[in-house]
Amino acid sequence: MTSIDAADLKRMFDAIAVAIEADKDRLCQLDGVIGDADHGIAMALGFGAVRDALAPLELSATEPTVLLNTAAKSFLNAVGASSGPLYATAFMRGAAAVKGKATLAGADFIALLQAMAQGIQDRGKAEIGEKTMVDAWLPAAQAAAAAHASGKTVSESLAAALQAAERGAEATKDMIAAKGRSSRLGERSLGHIDPGAASAVTVIGAMRKSLG
């Protein structure tokens, strides 16, 4: 895919909603070990709301920034839990990164992805190694940027992002949670994948599939 427009982004969000809905039970099970067992439900609600909010848009007259800001608002309205503000911030930062562009070249989309990851990190005030979704999102964005800089396509760059996210999520098994409710468990959080990192892999996987 050489350029990405609002219709492509809508398809991407639709694909994420489907993937998260299919993964909802697993994400709730992961969250049940170290959280409130509702992460899958929250994510499905959020991306379901995004899909519904984007459905009536006149895509040929909608810039990516407007679509992303619509996604941010609808996700936040649907999800009061911690993932709501995190993903809303991600989409708003992504929107700002591509402001004024009707279509996105490869470099624009990579910038959008990096802005999303940075937004999640800034809003959550989390660092790599603290057992959060940042452990998947930040390596994914860095891998995508490195792949694109070396001449890879958006599809190939997203494949690199997915691999990095998978590694990052897997690595959270060996971390003691330092943020959020699971941090109260201390060492009992060891041995379990962080649900936010797991859902990040699902989101990035759906992005790669829909834009591949």
C-alpha atoms as a PDB file:
ATOM      1  CA  MET A   1       0.000   0.000   0.000  1.00  0.00           C
ATOM      2  CA  THR A   2       1.676   3.215  -1.177  1.00  0.00           C
ATOM      3  CA  SER A   3      -0.624   5.713   0.519  1.00  0.00           C
ATOM      4  CA  ILE A   4      -3.161   5.472   3.316  1.00  0.00           C
ATOM      5  CA  ASP A   5      -6.351   7.525   3.437  1.00  0.00           C
ATOM      6  CA  ALA A   6      -9.316   7.813   5.800  1.00  0.00           C
ATOM      7  CA  ALA A   7     -11.030   4.788   4.236  1.00  0.00           C
ATOM      8  CA  ASP A   8      -7.923   2.670   4.874  1.00  0.00           C
ATOM      9  CA  LEU A   9      -7.785   3.878   8.479  1.00  0.00           C
ATOM     10  CA  LYS A  10     -11.462   3.069   8.974  1.00  0.00           C
ATOM     11  CA  ARG A  11     -10.827  -0.461   7.669  1.00  0.00           C
ATOM     12  CA  MET A  12      -7.916  -0.690  10.082  1.00  0.00           C
ATOM     13  CA  PHE A  13     -10.107   0.273  13.057  1.00  0.00           C
ATOM     14  CA  ASP A  14     -12.796  -2.174  11.917  1.00  0.00           C
ATOM     15  CA  ALA A  15     -10.162  -4.934  11.801  1.00  0.00           C
ATOM     16  CA  ILE A  16      -8.929  -4.034  15.288  1.00  0.00           C
ATOM     17  CA  ALA A  17     -12.491  -4.177  16.649  1.00  0.00           C
ATOM     18  CA  VAL A  18     -12.990  -7.659  15.187  1.00  0.00           C
ATOM     19  CA  ALA A  19      -9.613  -8.909  16.470  1.00  0.00           C
ATOM     20  CA  ILE A  20     -10.145  -7.542  19.978  1.00  0.00           C
ATOM     21  CA  GLU A  21     -13.657  -8.992  20.179  1.00  0.00           C
ATOM     22  CA  ALA A  22     -12.250 -12.400  19.211  1.00  0.00           C
ATOM     23  CA  ASP A  23      -9.503 -12.058  21.839  1.00  0.00           C
ATOM     24  CA  LYS A  24     -11.729 -10.617  24.582  1.00  0.00           C
ATOM     25  CA  ASP A  25     -11.998 -13.740  26.742  1.00  0.00           C
ATOM     26  CA  ARG A  26      -8.252 -14.430  26.692  1.00  0.00           C
ATOM     27  CA  LEU A  27      -7.507 -10.829  27.660  1.00  0.00           C
ATOM     28  CA  CYS A  28      -9.981 -11.017  30.539  1.00  0.00           C
ATOM     29  CA  GLN A  29      -8.345 -14.249  31.720  1.00  0.00           C
ATOM     30  CA  LEU A  30      -4.918 -12.611  31.682  1.00  0.00           C
ATOM     31  CA  ASP A  31      -6.347  -9.648  33.568  1.00  0.00           C
ATOM     32  CA  GLY A  32      -8.052 -11.953  36.052  1.00  0.00           C
ATOM     33  CA  VAL A  33      -4.658 -13.083  37.331  1.00  0.00           C
ATOM     34  CA  ILE A  34      -3.241  -9.619  38.036  1.00  0.00           C
ATOM     35  CA  GLY A  35      -6.145  -7.190  37.639  1.00  0.00           C
ATOM     36  CA  ASP A  36      -9.928  -6.887  37.556  1.00  0.00           C
ATOM     37  CA  ALA A  37     -10.589  -9.431  34.787  1.00  0.00           C
ATOM     38  CA  ASP A  38     -12.217  -6.758  32.643  1.00  0.00           C
ATOM     39  CA  HIS A  39      -9.451  -5.634  30.274  1.00  0.00           C
ATOM     40  CA  GLY A  40     -10.836  -7.578  27.316  1.00  0.00           C
ATOM     41  CA  ILE A  41     -14.313  -6.174  27.918  1.00  0.00           C
ATOM     42  CA  ALA A  42     -12.976  -2.614  28.155  1.00  0.00           C
ATOM     43  CA  MET A  43     -10.951  -2.939  24.958  1.00  0.00           C
ATOM     44  CA  ALA A  44     -13.861  -4.506  23.072  1.00  0.00           C
ATOM     45  CA  LEU A  45     -16.161  -1.711  24.247  1.00  0.00           C
ATOM     46  CA  GLY A  46     -13.632   0.922  23.206  1.00  0.00           C
ATOM     47  CA  PHE A  47     -12.898  -0.350  19.723  1.00  0.00           C
ATOM     48  CA  GLY A  48     -16.556  -1.248  19.190  1.00  0.00           C
ATOM     49  CA  ALA A  49     -17.432   2.370  19.970  1.00  0.00           C
ATOM     50  CA  VAL A  50     -14.759   3.568  17.542  1.00  0.00           C
ATOM     51  CA  ARG A  51     -16.142   1.347  14.783  1.00  0.00           C
ATOM     52  CA  ASP A  52     -19.662   2.698  15.382  1.00  0.00           C
ATOM     53  CA  ALA A  53     -18.476   6.328  15.483  1.00  0.00           C
ATOM     54  CA  LEU A  54     -16.546   6.018  12.221  1.00  0.00           C
ATOM     55  CA  ALA A  55     -19.329   4.203  10.336  1.00  0.00           C
ATOM     56  CA  PRO A  56     -21.354   7.320   9.377  1.00  0.00           C
ATOM     57  CA  LEU A  57     -18.358   9.438   8.302  1.00  0.00           C
ATOM     58  CA  GLU A  58     -18.181  10.576   4.692  1.00  0.00           C
ATOM     59  CA  LEU A  59     -14.721   9.130   4.206  1.00  0.00           C
ATOM     60  CA  SER A  60     -13.927  10.810   0.885  1.00  0.00           C
ATOM     61  CA  ALA A  61     -14.303  14.177   2.650  1.00  0.00           C
ATOM     62  CA  THR A  62     -12.635  13.192   5.927  1.00  0.00           C
ATOM     63  CA  GLU A  63      -8.970  13.796   6.668  1.00  0.00           C
ATOM     64  CA  PRO A  64      -7.086  11.201   8.734  1.00  0.00           C
ATOM     65  CA  THR A  65      -6.734  13.727  11.582  1.00  0.00           C
ATOM     66  CA  VAL A  66     -10.510  14.112  11.892  1.00  0.00           C
ATOM     67  CA  LEU A  67     -10.998  10.345  11.805  1.00  0.00           C
ATOM     68  CA  LEU A  68      -8.354   9.782  14.488  1.00  0.00           C
ATOM     69  CA  ASN A  69      -9.794  12.481  16.758  1.00  0.00           C
ATOM     70  CA  THR A  70     -13.242  10.918  16.337  1.00  0.00           C
ATOM     71  CA  ALA A  71     -11.723   7.580  17.342  1.00  0.00           C
ATOM     72  CA  ALA A  72     -10.112   9.167  20.408  1.00  0.00           C
ATOM     73  CA  LYS A  73     -13.317  10.777  21.630  1.00  0.00           C
ATOM     74  CA  SER A  74     -15.462   7.678  21.128  1.00  0.00           C
ATOM     75  CA  PHE A  75     -12.932   5.382  22.829  1.00  0.00           C
ATOM     76  CA  LEU A  76     -12.674   7.675  25.846  1.00  0.00           C
ATOM     77  CA  ASN A  77     -16.455   8.014  26.136  1.00  0.00           C
ATOM     78  CA  ALA A  78     -16.842   4.221  26.083  1.00  0.00           C
ATOM     79  CA  VAL A  79     -13.998   3.270  28.424  1.00  0.00           C
ATOM     80  CA  GLY A  80     -13.508   4.918  31.783  1.00  0.00           C
ATOM     81  CA  ALA A  81     -10.826   2.432  32.832  1.00  0.00           C
ATOM     82  CA  SER A  82      -7.130   3.154  32.443  1.00  0.00           C
ATOM     83  CA  SER A  83      -6.976   1.952  28.839  1.00  0.00           C
ATOM     84  CA  GLY A  84      -9.512   4.647  27.840  1.00  0.00           C
ATOM     85  CA  PRO A  85      -7.308   7.708  28.408  1.00  0.00           C
ATOM     86  CA  LEU A  86      -4.244   5.829  27.159  1.00  0.00           C
ATOM     87  CA  TYR A  87      -5.701   4.922  23.769  1.00  0.00           C
ATOM     88  CA  ALA A  88      -7.536   8.252  23.452  1.00  0.00           C
ATOM     89  CA  THR A  89      -4.205  10.023  23.960  1.00  0.00           C
ATOM     90  CA  ALA A  90      -2.581   7.696  21.425  1.00  0.00           C
ATOM     91  CA  PHE A  91      -5.150   8.537  18.758  1.00  0.00           C
ATOM     92  CA  MET A  92      -5.028  12.282  19.505  1.00  0.00           C
ATOM     93  CA  ARG A  93      -1.229  12.305  19.249  1.00  0.00           C
ATOM     94  CA  GLY A  94      -1.473  10.322  16.038  1.00  0.00           C
ATOM     95  CA  ALA A  95      -3.989  12.855  14.721  1.00  0.00           C
ATOM     96  CA  ALA A  96      -1.651  15.737  15.522  1.00  0.00           C
ATOM     97  CA  ALA A  97       1.260  13.976  13.797  1.00  0.00           C
ATOM     98  CA  VAL A  98      -0.580  13.848  10.454  1.00  0.00           C
ATOM     99  CA  LYS A  99      -2.516  17.108  10.680  1.00  0.00           C
ATOM    100  CA  GLY A 100      -3.326  18.696   7.326  1.00  0.00           C
ATOM    101  CA  LYS A 101      -2.649  15.579   5.260  1.00  0.00           C
ATOM    102  CA  ALA A 102      -5.428  14.086   3.119  1.00  0.00           C
ATOM    103  CA  THR A 103      -3.448  10.895   2.501  1.00  0.00           C
ATOM    104  CA  LEU A 104      -0.526   9.423   4.374  1.00  0.00           C
ATOM    105  CA  ALA A 105       2.718   8.301   2.776  1.00  0.00           C
ATOM    106  CA  GLY A 106       4.663   5.510   4.448  1.00  0.00           C
ATOM    107  CA  ALA A 107       6.742   7.942   6.493  1.00  0.00           C
ATOM    108  CA  ASP A 108       3.563   9.683   7.693  1.00  0.00           C
ATOM    109  CA  PHE A 109       2.045   6.445   8.929  1.00  0.00           C
ATOM    110  CA  ILE A 110       5.240   5.482  10.754  1.00  0.00           C
ATOM    111  CA  ALA A 111       5.213   8.941  12.380  1.00  0.00           C
ATOM    112  CA  LEU A 112       1.588   8.307  13.394  1.00  0.00           C
ATOM    113  CA  LEU A 113       2.551   4.976  14.960  1.00  0.00           C
ATOM    114  CA  GLN A 114       5.440   6.564  16.854  1.00  0.00           C
ATOM    115  CA  ALA A 115       3.190   9.367  18.090  1.00  0.00           C
ATOM    116  CA  MET A 116       0.650   6.819  19.335  1.00  0.00           C
ATOM    117  CA  ALA A 117       3.283   4.895  21.284  1.00  0.00           C
ATOM    118  CA  GLN A 118       4.726   8.108  22.725  1.00  0.00           C
ATOM    119  CA  GLY A 119       1.247   9.251  23.727  1.00  0.00           C
ATOM    120  CA  ILE A 120       0.615   6.004  25.594  1.00  0.00           C
ATOM    121  CA  GLN A 121       3.958   6.299  27.366  1.00  0.00           C
ATOM    122  CA  ASP A 122       3.449   9.958  28.290  1.00  0.00           C
ATOM    123  CA  ARG A 123      -0.097   9.491  29.541  1.00  0.00           C
ATOM    124  CA  GLY A 124       0.738   6.347  31.515  1.00  0.00           C
ATOM    125  CA  LYS A 125       4.063   7.743  32.741  1.00  0.00           C
ATOM    126  CA  ALA A 126       5.488   4.254  32.227  1.00  0.00           C
ATOM    127  CA  GLU A 127       8.919   3.076  31.174  1.00  0.00           C
ATOM    128  CA  ILE A 128      10.057  -0.128  29.505  1.00  0.00           C
ATOM    129  CA  GLY A 129      10.330  -2.854  32.130  1.00  0.00           C
ATOM    130  CA  GLU A 130       7.383  -1.774  34.300  1.00  0.00           C
ATOM    131  CA  LYS A 131       5.012  -4.461  32.970  1.00  0.00           C
ATOM    132  CA  THR A 132       2.554  -2.313  31.015  1.00  0.00           C
ATOM    133  CA  MET A 133       1.395  -1.949  27.415  1.00  0.00           C
ATOM    134  CA  VAL A 134       4.406   0.346  26.913  1.00  0.00           C
ATOM    135  CA  ASP A 135       6.559  -2.795  26.914  1.00  0.00           C
ATOM    136  CA  ALA A 136       4.830  -3.781  23.652  1.00  0.00           C
ATOM    137  CA  TRP A 137       4.017  -0.408  22.098  1.00  0.00           C
ATOM    138  CA  LEU A 138       7.380   1.323  22.404  1.00  0.00           C
ATOM    139  CA  PRO A 139       9.508  -1.492  20.908  1.00  0.00           C
ATOM    140  CA  ALA A 140       6.889  -1.886  18.170  1.00  0.00           C
ATOM    141  CA  ALA A 141       7.089   1.770  17.168  1.00  0.00           C
ATOM    142  CA  GLN A 142      10.887   1.728  17.306  1.00  0.00           C
ATOM    143  CA  ALA A 143      11.062  -1.425  15.183  1.00  0.00           C
ATOM    144  CA  ALA A 144       8.649   0.015  12.605  1.00  0.00           C
ATOM    145  CA  ALA A 145      10.672   3.227  12.357  1.00  0.00           C
ATOM    146  CA  ALA A 146      13.953   1.324  11.994  1.00  0.00           C
ATOM    147  CA  ALA A 147      12.481  -0.979   9.343  1.00  0.00           C
ATOM    148  CA  HIS A 148      11.036   1.926   7.375  1.00  0.00           C
ATOM    149  CA  ALA A 149      14.305   3.871   7.603  1.00  0.00           C
ATOM    150  CA  SER A 150      16.084   0.876   6.070  1.00  0.00           C
ATOM    151  CA  GLY A 151      13.766   0.985   3.067  1.00  0.00           C
ATOM    152  CA  LYS A 152      11.061  -1.460   4.093  1.00  0.00           C
ATOM    153  CA  THR A 153       7.410  -0.944   3.077  1.00  0.00           C
ATOM    154  CA  VAL A 154       4.677  -0.035   5.558  1.00  0.00           C
ATOM    155  CA  SER A 155       3.534  -3.655   5.527  1.00  0.00           C
ATOM    156  CA  GLU A 156       7.065  -4.930   6.234  1.00  0.00           C
ATOM    157  CA  SER A 157       7.554  -2.243   8.884  1.00  0.00           C
ATOM    158  CA  LEU A 158       4.334  -3.295  10.602  1.00  0.00           C
ATOM    159  CA  ALA A 159       5.488  -6.914  10.491  1.00  0.00           C
ATOM    160  CA  ALA A 160       8.660  -5.822  12.302  1.00  0.00           C
ATOM    161  CA  ALA A 161       6.505  -3.872  14.764  1.00  0.00           C
ATOM    162  CA  LEU A 162       4.385  -6.938  15.469  1.00  0.00           C
ATOM    163  CA  GLN A 163       7.427  -9.116  16.119  1.00  0.00           C
ATOM    164  CA  ALA A 164       8.829  -6.515  18.519  1.00  0.00           C
ATOM    165  CA  ALA A 165       5.460  -6.185  20.291  1.00  0.00           C
ATOM    166  CA  GLU A 166       5.233  -9.963  20.688  1.00  0.00           C
ATOM    167  CA  ARG A 167       8.723 -10.085  22.198  1.00  0.00           C
ATOM    168  CA  GLY A 168       7.905  -7.159  24.460  1.00  0.00           C
ATOM    169  CA  ALA A 169       4.659  -8.700  25.694  1.00  0.00           C
ATOM    170  CA  GLU A 170       6.359 -12.036  26.329  1.00  0.00           C
ATOM    171  CA  ALA A 171       9.067 -10.258  28.313  1.00  0.00           C
ATOM    172  CA  THR A 172       6.456  -8.866  30.735  1.00  0.00           C
ATOM    173  CA  LYS A 173       6.173 -12.387  32.181  1.00  0.00           C
ATOM    174  CA  ASP A 174       9.527 -11.847  33.868  1.00  0.00           C
ATOM    175  CA  MET A 175       8.685  -8.399  35.242  1.00  0.00           C
ATOM    176  CA  ILE A 176       7.238  -7.287  38.553  1.00  0.00           C
ATOM    177  CA  ALA A 177       4.419  -4.811  37.924  1.00  0.00           C
ATOM    178  CA  ALA A 178       5.327  -1.252  38.878  1.00  0.00           C
ATOM    179  CA  LYS A 179       2.206   0.515  37.608  1.00  0.00           C
ATOM    180  CA  GLY A 180      -1.559   0.133  37.940  1.00  0.00           C
ATOM    181  CA  ARG A 181      -3.548  -2.255  40.070  1.00  0.00           C
ATOM    182  CA  SER A 182      -1.294  -5.218  39.397  1.00  0.00           C
ATOM    183  CA  SER A 183       1.567  -3.356  41.117  1.00  0.00           C
ATOM    184  CA  ARG A 184      -0.116  -4.161  44.428  1.00  0.00           C
ATOM    185  CA  LEU A 185       0.673  -7.832  43.859  1.00  0.00           C
ATOM    186  CA  GLY A 186       4.420  -7.298  43.933  1.00  0.00           C
ATOM    187  CA  GLU A 187       6.263 -10.507  43.092  1.00  0.00           C
ATOM    188  CA  ARG A 188       2.994 -12.372  42.611  1.00  0.00           C
ATOM    189  CA  SER A 189       2.686 -10.593  39.244  1.00  0.00           C
ATOM    190  CA  LEU A 190       5.742 -12.545  38.052  1.00  0.00           C
ATOM    191  CA  GLY A 191       5.134 -15.270  35.492  1.00  0.00           C
ATOM    192  CA  HIS A 192       2.117 -13.583  33.911  1.00  0.00           C
ATOM    193  CA  ILE A 193       1.900 -11.588  30.685  1.00  0.00           C
ATOM    194  CA  ASP A 194       0.595  -8.070  31.187  1.00  0.00           C
ATOM    195  CA  PRO A 195      -2.916  -7.886  29.656  1.00  0.00           C
ATOM    196  CA  GLY A 196      -2.299  -4.399  28.254  1.00  0.00           C
ATOM    197  CA  ALA A 197       0.803  -5.617  26.454  1.00  0.00           C
ATOM    198  CA  ALA A 198      -1.126  -8.656  25.204  1.00  0.00           C
ATOM    199  CA  SER A 199      -3.920  -6.493  23.781  1.00  0.00           C
ATOM    200  CA  ALA A 200      -1.332  -4.181  22.186  1.00  0.00           C
ATOM    201  CA  VAL A 201      -0.059  -7.197  20.227  1.00  0.00           C
ATOM    202  CA  THR A 202      -3.630  -7.914  19.075  1.00  0.00           C
ATOM    203  CA  VAL A 203      -4.107  -4.280  17.998  1.00  0.00           C
ATOM    204  CA  ILE A 204      -0.786  -4.104  16.124  1.00  0.00           C
ATOM    205  CA  GLY A 205      -1.457  -7.494  14.511  1.00  0.00           C
ATOM    206  CA  ALA A 206      -4.792  -6.239  13.187  1.00  0.00           C
ATOM    207  CA  MET A 207      -3.135  -3.070  11.881  1.00  0.00           C
ATOM    208  CA  ARG A 208      -0.564  -5.121   9.990  1.00  0.00           C
ATOM    209  CA  LYS A 209      -3.207  -7.432   8.559  1.00  0.00           C
ATOM    210  CA  SER A 210      -5.505  -4.631   7.374  1.00  0.00           C
ATOM    211  CA  LEU A 211      -2.747  -2.435   5.906  1.00  0.00           C
ATOM    212  CA  GLY A 212      -0.612  -5.291   4.526  1.00  0.00           C
END
